[in-house]
Amino acid sequence: MQKSNVKIIFFGTSDFAVPALEVLVKAGYDVVTVITVPDKPVGRKQILTPPPIKVAAQQLGLDVWQPKNLKIENLNLIENWKLKIGNCDLGIVAAYGKLIPPEIFNLPKHGTLNIHPSLLPKYRGPSPIQTAILNGDTETGVTIMQVDEEMDHGDIVAAISYQLSAISSYKEAYDKLSELGAELLIKILPDYLDDKIKPQPQDHSKATFTNKFTTEDGEIKPDDTAETAYNKIRALNPEPGTFMWFSAKGGSASGGKKLRLKILAAELEDNRLEFKKVQLEGGRPMSIKEFIAGHPNFKGNLL
């Protein structure tokens, strides 16, 4: 099948999806429409900001559609919506973050594929990379699967593993898995579209699930081991962030007013955790040396 004749509808939101979109266009596939979420207010000044995939799509000269959601009852109010996403050969999903109903993911001739950053069936759901790091895993990967009505449940088309080092951060793994997903997608697409790949069912008995992390999940507690605390710092920065409670009076949360001390960077050596960069609530990011100079009672190491 000629790539230029393959019409693709692309669903994505975050910058994780950008390499996949770019590689599809570069390879000559016809990306008919990019579906993403509406622009939203960001930051203290609540500046209306487009999702990263919208910015990339516009730079590539692609059509962008930003429905609030893809519920069929709402889409029926949008004139000619089937003309926008119907008559396509394939759907591609990468970090879209919204439910796609079967009336939509089944529209393309070859169905819809999802790029998911874990080795399914392990770590289904919204936070597979963070969960892998938080659990101290040494291996993760990317799976390309067929979309069905359950979350990350469809048959596997292809997968590739990625080794996590003991110091891999979420951002580092995120960027690498995004690139690997794009490379894997462009590699398998010709055979998939020519029906030369037989998707394999997942072993659902081995499925594990992830959830979105909250601010509270990032708390480094006094009874955390050094490794546990370090994994939190690697996994949960920059969002939702990691922190500990600090009292300027005594250097811990045991006395005086409790303040939230963000832990932005740390190193683990010989089972000893050393903070490298911190930010006191209401203050600016600073090195641990700067912080201790102003708070000499603070103990910057955890065990």
Protein backbone atom coordinates (compact mmCIF):
# COMPACT_ATOMS: atom_id res chain seq x y z
CA MET A 1 0.00 0.00 0.00
CA GLN A 2 1.39 3.39 -1.04
CA LYS A 3 2.07 5.49 2.06
CA SER A 4 0.65 8.62 0.44
CA ASN A 5 -2.62 6.75 -0.07
CA VAL A 6 -2.90 5.74 3.60
CA LYS A 7 -5.22 8.17 5.36
CA ILE A 8 -4.58 8.39 9.11
CA ILE A 9 -6.51 10.04 11.91
CA PHE A 10 -4.21 10.89 14.82
CA PHE A 11 -5.28 11.25 18.47
CA GLY A 12 -2.80 12.85 20.88
CA THR A 13 -2.27 15.57 23.46
CA SER A 14 1.06 15.67 25.27
CA ASP A 15 4.57 15.99 23.83
CA PHE A 16 4.88 12.19 24.13
CA ALA A 17 2.79 12.05 20.93
CA VAL A 18 4.88 14.50 18.92
CA PRO A 19 7.62 12.13 17.60
CA ALA A 20 4.99 9.68 16.32
CA LEU A 21 3.12 12.40 14.47
CA GLU A 22 6.30 13.84 12.99
CA VAL A 23 7.58 10.47 11.81
CA LEU A 24 4.27 9.65 10.12
CA VAL A 25 4.34 12.89 8.15
CA LYS A 26 8.02 12.52 7.30
CA ALA A 27 7.41 8.98 6.02
CA GLY A 28 4.73 10.26 3.64
CA TYR A 29 1.54 9.06 5.30
CA ASP A 30 -1.53 11.25 4.83
CA VAL A 31 -2.50 12.48 8.30
CA VAL A 32 -5.98 13.78 7.61
CA THR A 33 -6.77 15.25 11.04
CA VAL A 34 -5.15 15.52 14.45
CA ILE A 35 -7.67 15.23 17.28
CA THR A 36 -6.64 16.68 20.61
CA VAL A 37 -8.09 18.35 23.69
CA PRO A 38 -9.12 22.02 23.87
CA ASP A 39 -6.60 24.69 24.86
CA LYS A 40 -6.55 25.21 28.63
CA PRO A 41 -5.38 27.87 31.12
CA VAL A 42 -1.87 27.20 32.45
CA GLY A 43 0.21 28.69 35.25
CA ARG A 44 -0.50 31.35 37.82
CA LYS A 45 -1.65 33.81 35.18
CA GLN A 46 -3.93 31.14 33.64
CA ILE A 47 -2.70 31.81 30.10
CA LEU A 48 -4.72 29.87 27.54
CA THR A 49 -2.22 27.35 26.17
CA PRO A 50 -2.54 24.83 23.31
CA PRO A 51 -1.55 21.18 23.89
CA PRO A 52 1.92 20.30 22.52
CA ILE A 53 0.51 18.09 19.76
CA LYS A 54 -1.56 21.00 18.43
CA VAL A 55 1.54 23.16 18.15
CA ALA A 56 3.40 20.37 16.33
CA ALA A 57 0.46 19.66 14.02
CA GLN A 58 0.10 23.30 13.03
CA GLN A 59 3.83 23.52 12.33
CA LEU A 60 3.37 20.53 10.02
CA GLY A 61 0.42 22.21 8.30
CA LEU A 62 -2.11 19.66 9.53
CA ASP A 63 -5.78 20.06 10.33
CA VAL A 64 -6.48 20.10 14.08
CA TRP A 65 -9.79 19.29 15.77
CA GLN A 66 -10.33 19.97 19.48
CA PRO A 67 -13.67 18.58 20.65
CA LYS A 68 -14.33 18.75 24.40
CA ASN A 69 -14.80 14.98 24.28
CA LEU A 70 -15.68 12.29 21.77
CA LYS A 71 -19.05 11.25 23.15
CA ILE A 72 -21.25 10.32 20.24
CA GLU A 73 -24.21 12.37 21.47
CA ASN A 74 -21.99 15.45 21.35
CA LEU A 75 -20.39 14.58 18.02
CA ASN A 76 -23.80 14.27 16.42
CA LEU A 77 -24.16 18.00 17.01
CA ILE A 78 -21.05 18.66 14.95
CA GLU A 79 -21.94 18.93 11.28
CA ASN A 80 -20.20 16.39 9.02
CA TRP A 81 -17.99 14.94 11.78
CA LYS A 82 -17.89 11.60 9.99
CA LEU A 83 -16.54 13.32 6.93
CA LYS A 84 -13.69 14.59 9.09
CA ILE A 85 -12.63 11.24 10.54
CA GLY A 86 -14.48 8.71 8.40
CA ASN A 87 -13.07 7.08 5.27
CA CYS A 88 -9.68 6.76 6.94
CA ASP A 89 -7.47 3.68 6.78
CA LEU A 90 -6.06 3.81 10.30
CA GLY A 91 -6.31 5.57 13.63
CA ILE A 92 -3.23 6.21 15.78
CA VAL A 93 -3.45 7.09 19.49
CA ALA A 94 -0.55 8.42 21.55
CA ALA A 95 -1.16 9.96 24.98
CA TYR A 96 -4.55 11.38 24.02
CA GLY A 97 -6.00 11.14 27.53
CA LYS A 98 -9.68 10.99 26.56
CA LEU A 99 -12.08 8.10 26.05
CA ILE A 100 -12.50 7.09 22.41
CA PRO A 101 -15.82 5.28 21.82
CA PRO A 102 -16.01 2.22 19.55
CA GLU A 103 -18.10 4.16 17.04
CA ILE A 104 -14.93 6.15 16.38
CA PHE A 105 -12.02 3.75 16.91
CA ASN A 106 -13.72 1.17 14.68
CA LEU A 107 -14.32 3.64 11.83
CA PRO A 108 -10.93 3.27 10.09
CA LYS A 109 -10.53 0.32 7.76
CA HIS A 110 -7.63 -1.13 9.79
CA GLY A 111 -8.95 -0.06 13.17
CA THR A 112 -7.00 2.07 15.62
CA LEU A 113 -3.58 1.48 17.20
CA ASN A 114 -2.37 2.83 20.53
CA ILE A 115 1.26 3.55 21.49
CA HIS A 116 1.54 2.71 25.19
CA PRO A 117 4.76 3.17 27.25
CA SER A 118 4.93 -0.15 29.07
CA LEU A 119 5.30 -3.83 28.26
CA LEU A 120 1.65 -4.80 28.35
CA PRO A 121 -0.20 -6.30 30.11
CA LYS A 122 1.97 -4.76 32.85
CA TYR A 123 1.12 -1.20 33.85
CA ARG A 124 -2.08 -0.40 32.03
CA GLY A 125 -3.51 3.04 32.66
CA PRO A 126 -2.31 6.66 32.86
CA SER A 127 1.07 6.50 34.66
CA PRO A 128 3.09 3.48 33.47
CA ILE A 129 6.49 5.21 33.31
CA GLN A 130 6.24 6.81 36.73
CA THR A 131 4.99 3.55 38.26
CA ALA A 132 7.85 1.53 36.79
CA ILE A 133 10.43 3.95 38.23
CA LEU A 134 8.64 4.20 41.56
CA ASN A 135 8.72 0.41 41.84
CA GLY A 136 12.45 0.29 41.07
CA ASP A 137 11.98 -1.65 37.82
CA THR A 138 15.02 -2.13 35.62
CA GLU A 139 13.03 -2.76 32.44
CA THR A 140 10.05 -1.19 30.74
CA GLY A 141 9.21 -0.60 27.09
CA VAL A 142 6.63 0.39 24.51
CA THR A 143 3.71 -1.65 23.25
CA ILE A 144 1.66 -0.96 20.13
CA MET A 145 -1.77 -2.53 20.48
CA GLN A 146 -5.16 -2.48 18.87
CA VAL A 147 -7.65 -0.26 20.66
CA ASP A 148 -10.72 -1.97 22.06
CA GLU A 149 -13.40 -0.98 24.58
CA GLU A 150 -11.26 -1.61 27.68
CA MET A 151 -8.25 0.39 28.85
CA ASP A 152 -4.98 -0.81 27.25
CA HIS A 153 -6.62 -4.19 26.77
CA GLY A 154 -6.37 -4.81 23.02
CA ASP A 155 -4.29 -7.32 21.08
CA ILE A 156 -0.57 -6.61 20.84
CA VAL A 157 0.84 -5.72 17.42
CA ALA A 158 4.45 -5.09 18.49
CA ALA A 159 6.57 -4.30 21.54
CA ILE A 160 10.10 -3.19 22.32
CA SER A 161 11.89 -3.17 25.69
CA TYR A 162 13.92 -0.39 27.29
CA GLN A 163 16.37 -0.73 30.16
CA LEU A 164 15.90 1.62 33.08
CA SER A 165 19.11 2.48 34.89
CA ALA A 166 19.21 3.01 38.64
CA ILE A 167 19.32 6.76 38.05
CA SER A 168 16.81 7.07 35.18
CA SER A 169 14.46 10.00 35.74
CA TYR A 170 10.87 10.16 34.58
CA LYS A 171 11.69 12.84 32.00
CA GLU A 172 14.61 10.84 30.61
CA ALA A 173 12.55 7.64 30.29
CA TYR A 174 9.54 9.57 28.95
CA ASP A 175 11.56 11.14 26.13
CA LYS A 176 13.28 7.89 25.20
CA LEU A 177 10.07 5.84 25.18
CA SER A 178 8.39 8.51 23.08
CA GLU A 179 11.14 8.15 20.48
CA LEU A 180 11.10 4.34 20.65
CA GLY A 181 7.34 4.32 20.18
CA ALA A 182 7.62 6.43 17.05
CA GLU A 183 10.41 4.26 15.65
CA LEU A 184 8.49 1.06 16.35
CA LEU A 185 5.32 2.46 14.80
CA ILE A 186 6.94 3.45 11.53
CA LYS A 187 8.76 0.12 11.37
CA ILE A 188 5.68 -2.09 11.73
CA LEU A 189 3.08 -0.02 9.86
CA PRO A 190 3.72 -1.35 6.33
CA ASP A 191 3.37 -4.98 7.43
CA TYR A 192 0.40 -4.21 9.64
CA LEU A 193 -1.46 -2.45 6.83
CA ASP A 194 -0.67 -5.35 4.48
CA ASP A 195 -2.08 -7.81 7.06
CA LYS A 196 1.31 -9.48 7.52
CA ILE A 197 1.20 -9.10 11.30
CA LYS A 198 -1.15 -11.19 13.41
CA PRO A 199 -1.91 -9.31 16.64
CA GLN A 200 -1.58 -11.45 19.77
CA PRO A 201 -4.03 -11.34 22.71
CA GLN A 202 -2.66 -10.14 26.01
CA ASP A 203 -2.50 -12.44 29.00
CA HIS A 204 -5.12 -10.57 30.96
CA SER A 205 -4.45 -12.63 34.09
CA LYS A 206 -1.10 -10.80 34.37
CA ALA A 207 -2.50 -7.31 33.93
CA THR A 208 -1.53 -4.61 36.43
CA PHE A 209 -3.00 -1.13 36.58
CA THR A 210 -1.74 2.38 37.32
CA ASN A 211 -3.46 5.50 38.58
CA LYS A 212 -2.80 9.20 38.30
CA PHE A 213 -0.50 10.42 41.06
CA THR A 214 -1.54 13.20 43.41
CA THR A 215 0.48 15.76 45.35
CA GLU A 216 0.15 13.60 48.47
CA ASP A 217 1.82 10.67 46.68
CA GLY A 218 5.00 12.74 46.43
CA GLU A 219 5.53 13.11 50.16
CA ILE A 220 8.86 11.77 51.41
CA LYS A 221 8.07 10.36 54.83
CA PRO A 222 10.40 9.83 57.80
CA ASP A 223 10.03 6.05 57.57
CA ASP A 224 10.85 5.87 53.84
CA THR A 225 14.07 4.08 53.03
CA ALA A 226 16.69 5.98 51.05
CA GLU A 227 15.85 3.91 47.97
CA THR A 228 12.11 4.48 48.32
CA ALA A 229 12.60 8.22 48.68
CA TYR A 230 15.01 8.32 45.73
CA ASN A 231 12.57 6.42 43.52
CA LYS A 232 9.86 8.93 44.41
CA ILE A 233 12.14 11.80 43.44
CA ARG A 234 13.05 10.13 40.13
CA ALA A 235 9.49 9.15 39.29
CA LEU A 236 7.35 12.05 40.46
CA ASN A 237 9.33 15.10 39.33
CA PRO A 238 8.32 17.44 37.84
CA GLU A 239 4.67 16.43 38.35
CA PRO A 240 3.14 16.09 40.87
CA GLY A 241 6.51 16.74 42.57
CA THR A 242 8.14 15.41 45.72
CA PHE A 243 8.39 17.13 49.09
CA MET A 244 8.96 16.75 52.80
CA TRP A 245 7.67 18.76 55.72
CA PHE A 246 10.22 21.12 57.23
CA SER A 247 10.27 23.29 60.33
CA ALA A 248 12.72 26.18 60.21
CA LYS A 249 12.84 26.11 64.00
CA GLY A 250 14.20 22.61 64.40
CA GLY A 251 15.01 21.36 60.94
CA SER A 252 12.20 18.82 60.90
CA ALA A 253 8.43 18.85 61.00
CA SER A 254 8.42 18.15 64.74
CA GLY A 255 8.49 21.75 65.91
CA GLY A 256 7.59 25.21 64.68
CA LYS A 257 5.55 26.07 61.62
CA LYS A 258 5.45 23.31 59.04
CA LEU A 259 6.62 24.29 55.57
CA ARG A 260 6.62 22.22 52.43
CA LEU A 261 10.15 21.68 51.13
CA LYS A 262 10.15 20.54 47.51
CA ILE A 263 12.89 18.05 46.64
CA LEU A 264 13.86 18.77 43.04
CA ALA A 265 16.98 16.63 42.67
CA ALA A 266 18.93 14.08 44.71
CA GLU A 267 21.59 11.40 44.46
CA LEU A 268 21.73 7.96 46.05
CA GLU A 269 25.11 6.48 46.93
CA ASP A 270 25.90 3.62 49.30
CA ASN A 271 22.27 3.61 50.46
CA ARG A 272 22.56 7.25 51.46
CA LEU A 273 20.30 9.84 49.90
CA GLU A 274 21.69 13.33 49.43
CA PHE A 275 19.45 16.17 48.31
CA LYS A 276 21.00 18.32 45.58
CA LYS A 277 18.32 20.89 44.74
CA VAL A 278 15.38 22.03 46.86
CA GLN A 279 12.73 24.74 47.00
CA LEU A 280 11.11 25.96 50.17
CA GLU A 281 7.43 26.80 49.98
CA GLY A 282 7.11 30.35 48.61
CA GLY A 283 10.81 30.50 47.74
CA ARG A 284 13.03 29.88 44.74
CA PRO A 285 14.85 26.70 43.71
CA MET A 286 18.34 26.51 45.21
CA SER A 287 21.20 24.12 45.77
CA ILE A 288 21.25 22.20 49.04
CA LYS A 289 24.37 24.14 50.06
CA GLU A 290 22.52 27.43 49.68
CA PHE A 291 19.59 26.08 51.63
CA ILE A 292 21.66 24.72 54.52
CA ALA A 293 23.52 28.02 54.75
CA GLY A 294 20.21 29.64 55.64
CA HIS A 295 18.88 26.68 57.64
CA PRO A 296 21.85 25.08 59.41
CA ASN A 297 19.68 22.74 61.47
CA PHE A 298 18.43 20.97 58.35
CA LYS A 299 19.71 17.45 57.77
CA GLY A 300 20.08 17.01 54.04
CA ASN A 301 20.53 13.29 54.02
CA LEU A 302 18.01 10.49 54.52
CA LEU A 303 18.62 6.83 55.18
